[in-house]
Structure formats: C-alpha cells, structure tokens
C-alpha cells in the first residue's frame, strides 16, 4: 500500500497549493485574506474572511479553491510537472482535481515531498518554503515540534481516505511520517487518524524530548 497504491491527496494538496500560490504571487504571504463568498457552509468556521494561515489550519477548501483558480490550470500543471507530484494529472477542473480522484499520489511520494519541503529541496524560493513550513506547525513546546497537514477524501468506491503527512522534531532533529488510513464511508476519520498517529509516535518514544 505504501509504495504501490495511489490515492487522492485531498487536503494534503494544500501544502503544494500554498507553495505555488506564494511562488506565483497569488498569495502574498500567510496574512493574505480572501473574502468569504457569502455561501453558508456546514462548518461555521468557513463562513468568514480568512487569512492563508487560518485557511491552512482549519483546512478551508473554499479558500484554496479560489487560490487554485487564481493560479490557473496551465501554471498549476507546470508546477505539478516540475515537482513531479504524484500522477501529475488535472483531468477535471483546476479547483477540484485534488479532491475528485483526478490527481493521485502514493504514500511514499508524500513522504518524499514533505522531506524535500523541510530541507528546502523543492523548486520554490526560501520565503515561500519557510511560510509553508511555519503554517504546518500544529504543536510547539519545549519537548517537540509537531508539523503536519491532514487530508480527508472519498475513493471511487465510496471508502474514506485519511491522511496525515509531516514531521516531528526533537532536539533539532526531524523525523518524517505519512499516515494513510482507509475506512467505511461514515468512519469518524478525523478523530481516528490523529489518535493513530499520536499512539504510534508515543510507542516510538516521541513527545518526551529525548529522541
């Protein structure tokens, strides 16, 4: 599954979408606001103007769909090819190809991508890279820094796919991870994926600042 199967990246694509947006100037910086389009959505936190940083943290699809539209299909395709991101395919629309099974990526490709991001080895300038690395940080304390992006989407067969990709840093040393979970259509994936990640990292001796 890790090396042989590819899945829709869902919201983990916000990492690359952010990098392209920043590099092309469609996003000026993490404080750039995109105004709410006035469409009421189920998740209340989406129904307001958001900065890039807020949109990334709460995983706002509407914000990043607008970013993708501003980038445009041709430019988006150019960067997918440059980075060699997954299957590199936009067979549908520029504002939905990462959530509708048009684009797919293998877990080991996700890991390689996030490693390159951390070490500034992607073809983006340092400013863009540093902003994205900063907004990925979810927990930061004396013992560790935990940075990741989640993803949640449906396979063609209706099964739910959950992602968590990122790194945990202890004593200035990063350890990279990719979690890919599949469940039934109505699984409580949001709680499950975080619990699995936390349990695995705990078993491996993380969170104590001793790694």
N, C-alpha and C. Protein backbone atom coordinates (compact mmCIF):
# COMPACT_ATOMS: atom_id res chain seq x y z
N UNK A 1 0.83 -1.21 0.00
CA UNK A 1 0.00 0.00 0.00
C UNK A 1 0.86 1.26 0.00
N UNK A 2 1.97 1.19 0.74
CA UNK A 2 2.84 2.36 0.89
C UNK A 2 3.49 2.78 -0.42
N UNK A 3 3.96 1.80 -1.18
CA UNK A 3 4.69 2.11 -2.42
C UNK A 3 3.89 1.85 -3.69
N UNK A 4 2.86 1.02 -3.60
CA UNK A 4 2.19 0.55 -4.82
C UNK A 4 0.82 1.16 -5.09
N UNK A 5 0.22 1.78 -4.08
CA UNK A 5 -1.14 2.30 -4.27
C UNK A 5 -1.17 3.82 -4.17
N UNK A 6 -1.91 4.45 -5.09
CA UNK A 6 -2.01 5.91 -5.10
C UNK A 6 -3.44 6.32 -4.76
N UNK A 7 -3.55 7.42 -4.03
CA UNK A 7 -4.85 7.90 -3.56
C UNK A 7 -4.97 9.40 -3.79
N UNK A 8 -6.20 9.90 -3.79
CA UNK A 8 -6.37 11.34 -3.91
C UNK A 8 -5.68 12.02 -2.73
N UNK A 9 -4.95 13.12 -2.96
CA UNK A 9 -4.25 13.76 -1.85
C UNK A 9 -5.18 14.51 -0.90
N UNK A 10 -6.40 14.83 -1.38
CA UNK A 10 -7.35 15.63 -0.59
C UNK A 10 -6.64 16.87 -0.04
N UNK A 11 -6.87 17.21 1.21
CA UNK A 11 -6.34 18.48 1.72
C UNK A 11 -4.83 18.51 1.95
N UNK A 12 -4.16 17.36 1.84
CA UNK A 12 -2.69 17.42 1.92
C UNK A 12 -2.15 18.22 0.73
N UNK A 13 -2.96 18.35 -0.33
CA UNK A 13 -2.54 19.13 -1.51
C UNK A 13 -2.40 20.61 -1.17
N UNK A 14 -2.99 21.04 -0.07
CA UNK A 14 -2.86 22.45 0.34
C UNK A 14 -1.39 22.84 0.57
N UNK A 15 -0.53 21.87 0.86
CA UNK A 15 0.90 22.17 1.01
C UNK A 15 1.44 22.69 -0.32
N UNK A 16 1.20 21.92 -1.39
CA UNK A 16 1.70 22.34 -2.70
C UNK A 16 0.95 23.55 -3.24
N UNK A 17 -0.37 23.57 -3.03
CA UNK A 17 -1.18 24.71 -3.47
C UNK A 17 -0.66 26.02 -2.85
N UNK A 18 -0.29 25.94 -1.57
CA UNK A 18 0.27 27.11 -0.86
C UNK A 18 1.60 27.53 -1.49
N UNK A 19 2.48 26.56 -1.73
CA UNK A 19 3.80 26.85 -2.30
C UNK A 19 3.67 27.53 -3.67
N UNK A 20 2.80 26.98 -4.51
CA UNK A 20 2.60 27.55 -5.85
C UNK A 20 1.98 28.94 -5.74
N UNK A 21 0.99 29.07 -4.87
CA UNK A 21 0.34 30.37 -4.67
C UNK A 21 1.32 31.44 -4.24
N UNK A 22 2.19 31.10 -3.30
CA UNK A 22 3.20 32.05 -2.80
C UNK A 22 4.24 32.36 -3.87
N UNK A 23 4.73 31.34 -4.54
CA UNK A 23 5.77 31.49 -5.55
C UNK A 23 5.30 32.37 -6.71
N UNK A 24 4.03 32.22 -7.09
CA UNK A 24 3.50 32.97 -8.24
C UNK A 24 2.90 34.32 -7.83
N UNK A 25 2.90 34.60 -6.53
CA UNK A 25 2.35 35.88 -6.07
C UNK A 25 0.84 35.90 -5.93
N UNK A 26 0.20 34.76 -6.17
CA UNK A 26 -1.27 34.72 -5.99
C UNK A 26 -1.62 34.78 -4.50
N UNK A 27 -0.67 34.31 -3.68
CA UNK A 27 -0.77 34.53 -2.23
C UNK A 27 0.42 35.42 -1.88
N UNK A 28 0.16 36.56 -1.25
CA UNK A 28 1.28 37.47 -0.95
C UNK A 28 2.09 36.98 0.25
N UNK A 29 1.39 36.56 1.30
CA UNK A 29 2.03 35.97 2.48
C UNK A 29 0.95 35.28 3.31
N UNK A 30 1.33 34.75 4.47
CA UNK A 30 0.36 33.97 5.25
C UNK A 30 -0.77 34.81 5.84
N UNK A 31 -0.63 36.14 5.77
CA UNK A 31 -1.69 37.02 6.30
C UNK A 31 -2.67 37.46 5.21
N UNK A 32 -2.47 36.97 3.98
CA UNK A 32 -3.34 37.41 2.89
C UNK A 32 -4.77 36.90 3.08
N UNK A 33 -5.71 37.83 3.04
CA UNK A 33 -7.12 37.50 3.25
C UNK A 33 -7.82 37.25 1.91
N UNK A 34 -8.61 36.19 1.87
CA UNK A 34 -9.56 36.02 0.78
C UNK A 34 -10.94 36.16 1.42
N UNK A 35 -11.75 37.03 0.86
CA UNK A 35 -13.06 37.32 1.45
C UNK A 35 -14.01 36.14 1.29
N UNK A 36 -14.84 35.96 2.28
CA UNK A 36 -15.87 34.92 2.25
C UNK A 36 -16.81 35.18 1.08
N UNK A 37 -17.15 34.12 0.34
CA UNK A 37 -18.01 34.28 -0.84
C UNK A 37 -19.49 34.39 -0.50
N UNK A 38 -19.82 34.36 0.79
CA UNK A 38 -21.22 34.52 1.20
C UNK A 38 -22.03 33.23 1.19
N UNK A 39 -21.40 32.14 0.73
CA UNK A 39 -22.11 30.85 0.72
C UNK A 39 -22.02 30.21 2.11
N UNK A 40 -23.19 29.94 2.71
CA UNK A 40 -23.23 29.32 4.05
C UNK A 40 -22.85 27.85 3.95
N UNK A 41 -21.83 27.46 4.72
CA UNK A 41 -21.40 26.06 4.73
C UNK A 41 -21.60 25.45 6.10
N UNK A 42 -21.63 24.13 6.13
CA UNK A 42 -21.93 23.41 7.37
C UNK A 42 -20.93 23.75 8.47
N UNK A 43 -19.65 23.81 8.09
CA UNK A 43 -18.61 24.15 9.07
C UNK A 43 -18.60 25.67 9.27
N UNK A 44 -19.05 26.09 10.43
CA UNK A 44 -19.24 27.52 10.72
C UNK A 44 -17.97 28.34 10.55
N UNK A 45 -16.81 27.72 10.86
CA UNK A 45 -15.54 28.46 10.79
C UNK A 45 -15.15 28.84 9.36
N UNK A 46 -15.83 28.27 8.37
CA UNK A 46 -15.55 28.60 6.97
C UNK A 46 -16.33 29.84 6.51
N UNK A 47 -17.33 30.21 7.28
CA UNK A 47 -18.23 31.29 6.85
C UNK A 47 -17.75 32.67 7.28
N UNK A 48 -16.53 33.00 6.90
CA UNK A 48 -15.97 34.32 7.20
C UNK A 48 -14.74 34.56 6.34
N UNK A 49 -14.25 35.80 6.33
CA UNK A 49 -12.99 36.10 5.65
C UNK A 49 -11.87 35.35 6.38
N UNK A 50 -10.92 34.82 5.61
CA UNK A 50 -9.83 34.04 6.22
C UNK A 50 -8.48 34.48 5.67
N UNK A 51 -7.47 34.44 6.54
CA UNK A 51 -6.09 34.61 6.06
C UNK A 51 -5.61 33.24 5.57
N UNK A 52 -4.50 33.23 4.85
CA UNK A 52 -3.95 31.96 4.38
C UNK A 52 -3.64 31.04 5.57
N UNK A 53 -3.03 31.62 6.60
CA UNK A 53 -2.66 30.82 7.79
C UNK A 53 -3.89 30.18 8.43
N UNK A 54 -4.96 30.97 8.59
CA UNK A 54 -6.19 30.43 9.17
C UNK A 54 -6.78 29.36 8.26
N UNK A 55 -6.79 29.62 6.96
CA UNK A 55 -7.36 28.68 5.99
C UNK A 55 -6.61 27.36 6.00
N UNK A 56 -5.29 27.43 6.14
CA UNK A 56 -4.45 26.22 6.19
C UNK A 56 -4.75 25.43 7.46
N UNK A 57 -4.80 26.13 8.59
CA UNK A 57 -5.00 25.46 9.89
C UNK A 57 -6.36 24.78 9.97
N UNK A 58 -7.41 25.45 9.47
CA UNK A 58 -8.75 24.84 9.57
C UNK A 58 -9.09 24.05 8.30
N UNK A 59 -8.15 24.01 7.36
CA UNK A 59 -8.31 23.27 6.11
C UNK A 59 -9.54 23.75 5.33
N UNK A 60 -9.52 25.02 4.97
CA UNK A 60 -10.64 25.62 4.23
C UNK A 60 -10.54 25.29 2.74
N UNK A 61 -11.45 24.46 2.27
CA UNK A 61 -11.48 24.13 0.85
C UNK A 61 -11.82 25.35 -0.01
N UNK A 62 -12.84 26.16 0.36
CA UNK A 62 -13.19 27.31 -0.49
C UNK A 62 -12.02 28.28 -0.70
N UNK A 63 -11.22 28.53 0.34
CA UNK A 63 -10.07 29.44 0.23
C UNK A 63 -9.10 28.91 -0.82
N UNK A 64 -8.77 27.63 -0.69
CA UNK A 64 -7.76 27.06 -1.59
C UNK A 64 -8.30 26.78 -2.99
N UNK A 65 -9.61 26.63 -3.12
CA UNK A 65 -10.19 26.54 -4.47
C UNK A 65 -10.02 27.88 -5.19
N UNK A 66 -10.21 28.97 -4.44
CA UNK A 66 -10.01 30.30 -5.03
C UNK A 66 -8.55 30.53 -5.39
N UNK A 67 -7.64 30.09 -4.52
CA UNK A 67 -6.20 30.20 -4.83
C UNK A 67 -5.90 29.44 -6.13
N UNK A 68 -6.43 28.22 -6.26
CA UNK A 68 -6.19 27.40 -7.45
C UNK A 68 -6.73 28.08 -8.71
N UNK A 69 -7.91 28.70 -8.60
CA UNK A 69 -8.48 29.40 -9.75
C UNK A 69 -7.60 30.58 -10.16
N UNK A 70 -7.05 31.26 -9.17
CA UNK A 70 -6.16 32.40 -9.45
C UNK A 70 -4.84 31.94 -10.07
N UNK A 71 -4.38 30.77 -9.68
CA UNK A 71 -3.15 30.21 -10.26
C UNK A 71 -3.40 29.84 -11.73
N UNK A 72 -4.54 29.19 -11.98
CA UNK A 72 -4.89 28.80 -13.35
C UNK A 72 -4.36 27.42 -13.70
N UNK A 73 -5.05 26.76 -14.61
CA UNK A 73 -4.75 25.37 -14.95
C UNK A 73 -3.35 25.17 -15.55
N UNK A 74 -2.96 26.04 -16.47
CA UNK A 74 -1.66 25.87 -17.14
C UNK A 74 -0.50 26.01 -16.16
N UNK A 75 -0.57 27.05 -15.32
CA UNK A 75 0.51 27.28 -14.33
C UNK A 75 0.53 26.14 -13.31
N UNK A 76 -0.66 25.72 -12.90
CA UNK A 76 -0.76 24.62 -11.94
C UNK A 76 -0.11 23.36 -12.52
N UNK A 77 -0.42 23.09 -13.78
CA UNK A 77 0.13 21.90 -14.45
C UNK A 77 1.66 21.96 -14.53
N UNK A 78 2.15 23.15 -14.85
CA UNK A 78 3.60 23.38 -14.94
C UNK A 78 4.30 23.00 -13.63
N UNK A 79 3.71 23.42 -12.51
CA UNK A 79 4.32 23.13 -11.19
C UNK A 79 4.15 21.66 -10.79
N UNK A 80 3.01 21.06 -11.14
CA UNK A 80 2.83 19.63 -10.85
C UNK A 80 3.92 18.83 -11.57
N UNK A 81 4.23 19.22 -12.80
CA UNK A 81 5.28 18.55 -13.57
C UNK A 81 6.66 18.83 -12.97
N UNK A 82 6.91 20.08 -12.61
CA UNK A 82 8.22 20.46 -12.05
C UNK A 82 8.55 19.71 -10.77
N UNK A 83 7.52 19.57 -9.94
CA UNK A 83 7.72 18.91 -8.64
C UNK A 83 7.59 17.39 -8.79
N UNK A 84 7.01 16.94 -9.90
CA UNK A 84 6.70 15.52 -10.13
C UNK A 84 5.80 15.01 -9.00
N UNK A 85 4.68 15.73 -8.82
CA UNK A 85 3.77 15.44 -7.72
C UNK A 85 2.77 14.36 -8.12
N UNK A 86 2.93 13.18 -7.54
CA UNK A 86 2.01 12.07 -7.79
C UNK A 86 1.87 11.77 -9.27
N UNK A 87 0.61 11.59 -9.71
CA UNK A 87 0.36 11.26 -11.12
C UNK A 87 0.39 12.51 -12.01
N UNK A 88 0.48 13.68 -11.41
CA UNK A 88 0.62 14.97 -12.12
C UNK A 88 -0.58 15.30 -13.01
N UNK A 89 -1.73 14.67 -12.77
CA UNK A 89 -2.85 14.81 -13.70
C UNK A 89 -3.94 15.77 -13.21
N UNK A 90 -4.33 16.69 -14.10
CA UNK A 90 -5.53 17.51 -13.87
C UNK A 90 -6.50 17.12 -14.99
N UNK A 91 -7.30 16.10 -14.74
CA UNK A 91 -8.22 15.66 -15.80
C UNK A 91 -9.60 16.30 -15.64
N UNK A 92 -9.80 16.99 -14.51
CA UNK A 92 -11.10 17.64 -14.29
C UNK A 92 -10.90 19.16 -14.22
N UNK A 93 -11.29 19.77 -13.12
CA UNK A 93 -11.22 21.24 -13.01
C UNK A 93 -10.07 21.67 -12.10
N UNK A 94 -9.55 22.86 -12.35
CA UNK A 94 -8.40 23.35 -11.58
C UNK A 94 -8.74 23.55 -10.10
N UNK A 95 -10.03 23.70 -9.77
CA UNK A 95 -10.38 23.92 -8.36
C UNK A 95 -10.94 22.68 -7.67
N UNK A 96 -10.76 21.50 -8.31
CA UNK A 96 -11.27 20.28 -7.65
C UNK A 96 -10.47 19.01 -7.93
N UNK A 97 -9.43 19.12 -8.76
CA UNK A 97 -8.74 17.89 -9.21
C UNK A 97 -8.07 17.11 -8.09
N UNK A 98 -7.77 17.75 -6.97
CA UNK A 98 -7.10 17.05 -5.85
C UNK A 98 -8.10 16.38 -4.90
N UNK A 99 -9.40 16.62 -5.12
CA UNK A 99 -10.41 16.02 -4.23
C UNK A 99 -11.35 15.07 -4.96
N UNK A 100 -11.20 14.93 -6.30
CA UNK A 100 -12.17 14.12 -7.05
C UNK A 100 -11.53 12.90 -7.73
N UNK A 101 -10.36 12.48 -7.24
CA UNK A 101 -9.65 11.30 -7.76
C UNK A 101 -9.06 11.50 -9.16
N UNK A 102 -8.95 12.76 -9.59
CA UNK A 102 -8.26 13.07 -10.85
C UNK A 102 -6.75 12.93 -10.62
N UNK A 103 -6.27 13.58 -9.58
CA UNK A 103 -4.85 13.50 -9.18
C UNK A 103 -4.71 12.48 -8.06
N UNK A 104 -3.67 11.66 -8.14
CA UNK A 104 -3.42 10.68 -7.06
C UNK A 104 -1.94 10.68 -6.71
N UNK A 105 -1.66 10.27 -5.48
CA UNK A 105 -0.27 10.24 -5.01
C UNK A 105 -0.09 9.04 -4.08
N UNK A 106 1.10 8.43 -4.14
CA UNK A 106 1.40 7.29 -3.27
C UNK A 106 1.90 7.80 -1.92
N UNK A 107 1.68 7.05 -0.85
CA UNK A 107 2.19 7.47 0.45
C UNK A 107 3.70 7.73 0.46
N UNK A 108 4.48 6.90 -0.24
CA UNK A 108 5.93 7.15 -0.21
C UNK A 108 6.30 8.42 -0.98
N UNK A 109 5.48 8.80 -1.97
CA UNK A 109 5.71 10.07 -2.68
C UNK A 109 5.38 11.25 -1.76
N UNK A 110 4.35 11.08 -0.95
CA UNK A 110 4.00 12.12 0.04
C UNK A 110 5.18 12.34 0.99
N UNK A 111 5.76 11.23 1.45
CA UNK A 111 6.87 11.32 2.39
C UNK A 111 8.07 12.02 1.75
N UNK A 112 8.38 11.64 0.51
CA UNK A 112 9.48 12.26 -0.21
C UNK A 112 9.25 13.76 -0.39
N UNK A 113 8.02 14.12 -0.69
CA UNK A 113 7.66 15.53 -0.91
C UNK A 113 7.86 16.36 0.35
N UNK A 114 7.38 15.83 1.47
CA UNK A 114 7.45 16.59 2.72
C UNK A 114 8.90 16.69 3.23
N UNK A 115 9.70 15.66 2.95
CA UNK A 115 11.13 15.70 3.28
C UNK A 115 11.84 16.80 2.50
N UNK A 116 11.55 16.85 1.20
CA UNK A 116 12.15 17.88 0.35
C UNK A 116 11.73 19.27 0.80
N UNK A 117 10.47 19.39 1.21
CA UNK A 117 9.98 20.68 1.72
C UNK A 117 10.80 21.10 2.93
N UNK A 118 10.97 20.19 3.87
CA UNK A 118 11.68 20.51 5.12
C UNK A 118 13.11 20.97 4.83
N UNK A 119 13.77 20.28 3.93
CA UNK A 119 15.18 20.58 3.64
C UNK A 119 15.37 21.61 2.51
N UNK A 120 14.28 22.30 2.16
CA UNK A 120 14.33 23.34 1.11
C UNK A 120 14.88 22.80 -0.22
N UNK A 121 14.45 21.61 -0.59
CA UNK A 121 14.93 20.99 -1.83
C UNK A 121 13.90 21.02 -2.96
N UNK A 122 12.81 21.72 -2.75
CA UNK A 122 11.80 21.86 -3.80
C UNK A 122 12.10 23.12 -4.61
N UNK A 123 11.60 23.21 -5.86
CA UNK A 123 11.94 24.36 -6.71
C UNK A 123 11.16 25.64 -6.40
N UNK A 124 11.10 25.98 -5.10
CA UNK A 124 10.42 27.20 -4.67
C UNK A 124 11.41 28.06 -3.88
N UNK A 125 11.19 29.36 -3.87
CA UNK A 125 12.13 30.20 -3.13
C UNK A 125 12.00 29.98 -1.62
N UNK A 126 13.03 30.42 -0.91
CA UNK A 126 13.12 30.13 0.53
C UNK A 126 11.95 30.76 1.30
N UNK A 127 11.55 31.97 0.89
CA UNK A 127 10.45 32.64 1.59
C UNK A 127 9.17 31.81 1.53
N UNK A 128 8.83 31.35 0.33
CA UNK A 128 7.61 30.53 0.16
C UNK A 128 7.70 29.27 1.00
N UNK A 129 8.84 28.60 0.95
CA UNK A 129 9.05 27.36 1.69
C UNK A 129 8.93 27.57 3.20
N UNK A 130 9.56 28.63 3.69
CA UNK A 130 9.55 28.90 5.14
C UNK A 130 8.14 29.22 5.64
N UNK A 131 7.37 29.95 4.84
CA UNK A 131 5.99 30.27 5.23
C UNK A 131 5.17 28.99 5.37
N UNK A 132 5.30 28.10 4.39
CA UNK A 132 4.52 26.86 4.43
C UNK A 132 4.95 25.97 5.59
N UNK A 133 6.25 25.89 5.83
CA UNK A 133 6.73 25.10 6.97
C UNK A 133 6.19 25.67 8.28
N UNK A 134 6.11 26.97 8.35
CA UNK A 134 5.63 27.62 9.58
C UNK A 134 4.14 27.33 9.82
N UNK A 135 3.33 27.43 8.76
CA UNK A 135 1.89 27.22 8.96
C UNK A 135 1.55 25.74 9.19
N UNK A 136 2.49 24.84 8.85
CA UNK A 136 2.26 23.41 9.11
C UNK A 136 2.43 23.04 10.58
N UNK A 137 3.10 23.89 11.35
CA UNK A 137 3.34 23.58 12.77
C UNK A 137 2.02 23.62 13.54
N UNK A 138 1.69 22.48 14.17
CA UNK A 138 0.44 22.37 14.93
C UNK A 138 0.68 22.38 16.44
N UNK A 139 1.85 21.88 16.85
CA UNK A 139 2.19 21.89 18.28
C UNK A 139 3.67 22.26 18.41
N UNK A 140 3.97 23.14 19.35
CA UNK A 140 5.35 23.60 19.53
C UNK A 140 5.58 23.86 21.01
N UNK A 141 6.41 23.02 21.65
CA UNK A 141 6.69 23.20 23.08
C UNK A 141 8.15 22.85 23.35
N UNK A 142 8.51 22.79 24.61
CA UNK A 142 9.92 22.56 24.99
C UNK A 142 10.43 21.19 24.54
N UNK A 143 9.54 20.22 24.41
CA UNK A 143 9.95 18.85 24.08
C UNK A 143 9.98 18.54 22.59
N UNK A 144 9.07 19.13 21.84
CA UNK A 144 8.98 18.76 20.42
C UNK A 144 8.24 19.83 19.61
N UNK A 145 8.42 19.73 18.29
CA UNK A 145 7.61 20.49 17.33
C UNK A 145 6.91 19.46 16.46
N UNK A 146 5.59 19.53 16.38
CA UNK A 146 4.83 18.61 15.54
C UNK A 146 4.19 19.41 14.40
N UNK A 147 4.55 19.06 13.16
CA UNK A 147 4.05 19.77 11.99
C UNK A 147 3.41 18.77 11.03
N UNK A 148 2.22 19.09 10.56
CA UNK A 148 1.57 18.18 9.62
C UNK A 148 0.43 18.86 8.88
N UNK A 149 -0.02 18.19 7.83
CA UNK A 149 -1.27 18.57 7.16
C UNK A 149 -2.13 17.33 7.06
N UNK A 150 -3.40 17.51 7.35
CA UNK A 150 -4.36 16.41 7.27
C UNK A 150 -5.00 16.37 5.89
N UNK A 151 -5.63 15.25 5.60
CA UNK A 151 -6.39 15.13 4.36
C UNK A 151 -7.54 14.15 4.57
N UNK A 152 -8.65 14.42 3.92
CA UNK A 152 -9.85 13.59 4.08
C UNK A 152 -10.59 13.57 2.75
N UNK A 153 -10.79 12.40 2.18
CA UNK A 153 -11.49 12.34 0.89
C UNK A 153 -12.06 10.96 0.63
N UNK A 154 -12.84 10.86 -0.45
CA UNK A 154 -13.50 9.60 -0.78
C UNK A 154 -12.91 8.96 -2.02
N UNK A 155 -12.63 7.67 -1.91
CA UNK A 155 -12.20 6.90 -3.08
C UNK A 155 -13.39 6.68 -4.01
N UNK A 156 -13.12 6.20 -5.21
CA UNK A 156 -14.20 5.94 -6.17
C UNK A 156 -15.24 4.96 -5.61
N UNK A 157 -14.79 4.03 -4.75
CA UNK A 157 -15.74 3.05 -4.20
C UNK A 157 -16.50 3.58 -2.97
N UNK A 158 -16.28 4.84 -2.64
CA UNK A 158 -17.01 5.45 -1.52
C UNK A 158 -16.29 5.36 -0.19
N UNK A 159 -15.21 4.57 -0.12
CA UNK A 159 -14.45 4.48 1.13
C UNK A 159 -13.77 5.81 1.45
N UNK A 160 -13.61 6.05 2.74
CA UNK A 160 -12.98 7.28 3.21
C UNK A 160 -11.47 7.08 3.33
N UNK A 161 -10.71 8.06 2.84
CA UNK A 161 -9.26 8.04 2.97
C UNK A 161 -8.84 9.17 3.91
N UNK A 162 -8.02 8.84 4.89
CA UNK A 162 -7.50 9.85 5.80
C UNK A 162 -5.98 9.92 5.69
N UNK A 163 -5.45 11.15 5.63
CA UNK A 163 -4.00 11.37 5.56
C UNK A 163 -3.53 12.22 6.74
N UNK A 164 -2.28 11.99 7.14
CA UNK A 164 -1.54 12.95 7.96
C UNK A 164 -0.09 12.87 7.49
N UNK A 165 0.42 13.98 6.97
CA UNK A 165 1.81 13.99 6.49
C UNK A 165 2.57 15.14 7.14
N UNK A 166 3.79 14.86 7.57
CA UNK A 166 4.58 15.93 8.20
C UNK A 166 5.80 15.39 8.92
N UNK A 167 6.12 16.03 10.03
CA UNK A 167 7.31 15.63 10.79
C UNK A 167 7.16 15.99 12.25
N UNK A 168 7.93 15.28 13.07
CA UNK A 168 8.07 15.66 14.48
C UNK A 168 9.55 15.95 14.70
N UNK A 169 9.82 17.03 15.36
CA UNK A 169 11.21 17.46 15.55
C UNK A 169 11.53 17.45 17.05
N UNK A 170 12.58 16.75 17.41
CA UNK A 170 13.05 16.76 18.80
C UNK A 170 14.55 17.00 18.79
N UNK A 171 15.01 17.88 19.66
CA UNK A 171 16.44 18.23 19.73
C UNK A 171 17.00 18.58 18.35
N UNK A 172 16.23 19.37 17.63
CA UNK A 172 16.61 19.88 16.29
C UNK A 172 16.74 18.80 15.22
N UNK A 173 16.22 17.62 15.52
CA UNK A 173 16.30 16.52 14.54
C UNK A 173 14.88 16.16 14.07
N UNK A 174 14.62 16.23 12.75
CA UNK A 174 13.29 15.90 12.26
C UNK A 174 13.11 14.40 11.95
N UNK A 175 11.93 13.90 12.25
CA UNK A 175 11.54 12.53 11.87
C UNK A 175 10.26 12.67 11.07
N UNK A 176 10.27 12.15 9.86
CA UNK A 176 9.15 12.36 8.94
C UNK A 176 8.15 11.21 9.02
N UNK A 177 6.90 11.53 8.76
CA UNK A 177 5.88 10.49 8.78
C UNK A 177 4.81 10.73 7.72
N UNK A 178 4.20 9.63 7.29
CA UNK A 178 2.99 9.72 6.47
C UNK A 178 2.04 8.64 6.98
N UNK A 179 0.84 9.07 7.29
CA UNK A 179 -0.19 8.13 7.75
C UNK A 179 -1.30 8.12 6.71
N UNK A 180 -1.64 6.92 6.24
CA UNK A 180 -2.72 6.76 5.26
C UNK A 180 -3.68 5.72 5.80
N UNK A 181 -4.91 6.14 6.05
CA UNK A 181 -5.90 5.26 6.67
C UNK A 181 -7.12 5.17 5.76
N UNK A 182 -7.69 3.97 5.66
CA UNK A 182 -8.91 3.81 4.87
C UNK A 182 -10.01 3.24 5.76
N UNK A 183 -11.21 3.74 5.57
CA UNK A 183 -12.33 3.25 6.38
C UNK A 183 -13.63 3.33 5.61
N UNK A 184 -14.71 2.90 6.26
CA UNK A 184 -16.02 2.97 5.61
C UNK A 184 -16.42 4.43 5.43
N UNK A 185 -17.38 4.63 4.54
CA UNK A 185 -17.84 5.96 4.14
C UNK A 185 -18.14 6.88 5.34
N UNK A 186 -18.69 6.26 6.40
CA UNK A 186 -19.12 7.08 7.55
C UNK A 186 -18.19 6.94 8.76
N UNK A 187 -16.93 6.53 8.53
CA UNK A 187 -15.97 6.40 9.64
C UNK A 187 -15.73 7.76 10.30
N UNK A 188 -15.42 7.74 11.61
CA UNK A 188 -15.07 9.02 12.27
C UNK A 188 -13.57 9.24 12.09
N UNK A 189 -13.19 9.48 10.84
CA UNK A 189 -11.79 9.53 10.41
C UNK A 189 -10.98 10.63 11.09
N UNK A 190 -11.63 11.78 11.34
CA UNK A 190 -10.89 12.93 11.89
C UNK A 190 -10.29 12.57 13.25
N UNK A 191 -11.08 11.91 14.10
CA UNK A 191 -10.58 11.52 15.43
C UNK A 191 -9.60 10.34 15.31
N UNK A 192 -9.96 9.38 14.45
CA UNK A 192 -9.18 8.14 14.34
C UNK A 192 -7.75 8.41 13.87
N UNK A 193 -7.59 9.22 12.81
CA UNK A 193 -6.24 9.39 12.24
C UNK A 193 -5.30 10.06 13.25
N UNK A 194 -5.79 11.06 14.01
CA UNK A 194 -4.93 11.75 14.99
C UNK A 194 -4.55 10.80 16.12
N UNK A 195 -5.53 9.99 16.53
CA UNK A 195 -5.27 9.04 17.61
C UNK A 195 -4.22 8.00 17.20
N UNK A 196 -4.34 7.49 15.98
CA UNK A 196 -3.38 6.50 15.48
C UNK A 196 -1.98 7.12 15.42
N UNK A 197 -1.89 8.32 14.84
CA UNK A 197 -0.58 8.99 14.74
C UNK A 197 0.04 9.20 16.12
N UNK A 198 -0.74 9.74 17.04
CA UNK A 198 -0.24 10.00 18.39
C UNK A 198 0.21 8.72 19.08
N UNK A 199 -0.59 7.66 18.94
CA UNK A 199 -0.24 6.38 19.57
C UNK A 199 1.06 5.79 19.01
N UNK A 200 1.21 5.87 17.68
CA UNK A 200 2.42 5.32 17.05
C UNK A 200 3.65 6.11 17.49
N UNK A 201 3.55 7.44 17.45
CA UNK A 201 4.70 8.27 17.85
C UNK A 201 5.04 8.07 19.33
N UNK A 202 4.01 7.89 20.15
CA UNK A 202 4.24 7.63 21.58
C UNK A 202 4.97 6.30 21.78
N UNK A 203 4.51 5.27 21.06
CA UNK A 203 5.15 3.94 21.14
C UNK A 203 6.62 4.01 20.71
N UNK A 204 6.91 4.90 19.76
CA UNK A 204 8.29 5.03 19.28
C UNK A 204 9.14 5.94 20.17
N UNK A 205 8.54 6.42 21.26
CA UNK A 205 9.31 7.19 22.24
C UNK A 205 9.34 8.69 22.02
N UNK A 206 8.44 9.20 21.20
CA UNK A 206 8.41 10.65 20.96
C UNK A 206 7.60 11.39 22.04
N UNK A 207 7.59 12.70 21.91
CA UNK A 207 6.85 13.65 22.77
C UNK A 207 7.53 13.93 24.11
N UNK A 208 8.69 13.28 24.37
CA UNK A 208 9.35 13.50 25.67
C UNK A 208 10.61 14.36 25.52
N UNK A 209 10.96 14.69 24.27
CA UNK A 209 12.17 15.49 24.05
C UNK A 209 13.44 14.70 24.22
N UNK A 210 13.36 13.37 24.13
CA UNK A 210 14.55 12.54 24.38
C UNK A 210 15.08 11.86 23.14
N UNK A 211 14.45 12.11 21.97
CA UNK A 211 14.90 11.44 20.75
C UNK A 211 16.15 12.11 20.21
